[in-house]
Amino acid sequence: MKKILFLPIVIMIANQVFPQGTFKITPGTTLKTMNGSYIVLNSMNLENNGTIQQAVNSGMFDFRGSTNDTISGSGTTVFDRISLAKDAGSQLILQRNIAVNSEFIFTGGILYLDNYILDLGGLGNLVNESETSRAFTYGTGYIQATRILNNPSSVNAGNLGAMISSTKNLGTTIIRRGHQVQTNIYASNNSIQRYYDISPANNTSLKATLSFSYFDAELNGMDETTLTLWKKKDPVLWDYVGHDSKNAISNYVLRNNISKFSIWTLAFDTVSNLVRAVQVPEQKELMMVDFAVRIFPNPTGTSFNVAIQSADQLEKIQLKVFGINGQIIETLQANPGQIVKIGNNYRAGAYLIEVIQGKQRKTFKVIKLGD
């Protein structure tokens, strides 16, 4: 069996002839590192058909460059640390399951999970995930962390964004974060592009609190001020859970007194809206409930499209855009059914868009990306 041992040095691997190459580990070869060695793959794929076995604090794989690169192969792939420092818009794409013992550090680019698993084990964490550099997939892939949660207080296992508290001992708990849209939450209502599958050893009478975090880029076109928690009841049905607090600026929805965990996601608060509609006797007021706004794309480097639908076709709609510190940036007027394009000349940063028609009011946070 061949062995490759990297001492504490930085190794830059790049292809100077072709725009994209592949760093291959052949069958029967074992790659190990020591004392914080760096292996830098600049616009290169990693194909492991042997064994990558990095112990904790032994080294880092640093993926850089402007191309979409892959991690593939049939061998065992256990990293200590990964740094994703690719150019904006570039992806590192999983084509196999991987494990990370210590940290997956986001500096630039997207980790596209596809249909594969990133396993953080009992010690690994995501670091510096952001709107512009994060893990995501349209497929079935997910990120997994395993922790012992005994009387946890605001524990964010693996830094996946599911913060759990409980006065009970949950024991060994597996938290999985996926991004596939959950369907048929209520009637034809779908979820945002994030869910958590939480599986504790003890899963009864927990009296737990869950704070569910998300990115704006995962909203799936929804008004985040309308989001609430739902949990999977069985392979088909979902239960409405509601929320005790939420914050569209800090991007979380929180629920107390949870007795049991399962698969959780965020979706439109259809049940509360239905209850409000049933309680209103007059047809005019019922029509006022039918007021929907969608803003896309978000985030964007160019302009936002604000699509407005309303049962009231007569009253004009006002749009107000605020800076994150509350200053008014722009005011506009629109008609129901109109798509308004705004923000092309905005500076990079966060903004609040308030859409008003009569007593109806919806507020959205949007992100304008820089160059």
Foldseek 3Di string as FASTA:
>chain_A
DAEAEAEAEEAEDEDPPDQEEEDEAAAPYEYEFAQAHEYEYERYEYEYAYYYDYDANGYEYEYEYAAAYEYYYDYAAEAAEYEDAYAFPHEYEYPEEYEYAAEYEWDAHEYEDAQYEYENEAHYAYHDADPGYYYAYQHNYKYKYKYFAAQDDQDCTRVPQKTKGFNGGQGIKMKIKYFHKAACQDNGWIFFRIKIFIDTPDFFQGQMKIKGADHPQRRNQAQVVQKAKWADPDPPYIDGDGADDDDQVRGITMHGGDGGGGMMTITGPVVVLVVVLVVDDDPVVNQQSAKGWTWDDFAEQAKIKIAIAGSPQPFKKKKWKAAPVGHTDDIDIHTHGDIDIDDRPPDFDKMKIWIDTPPDIGIHIGTHDHD
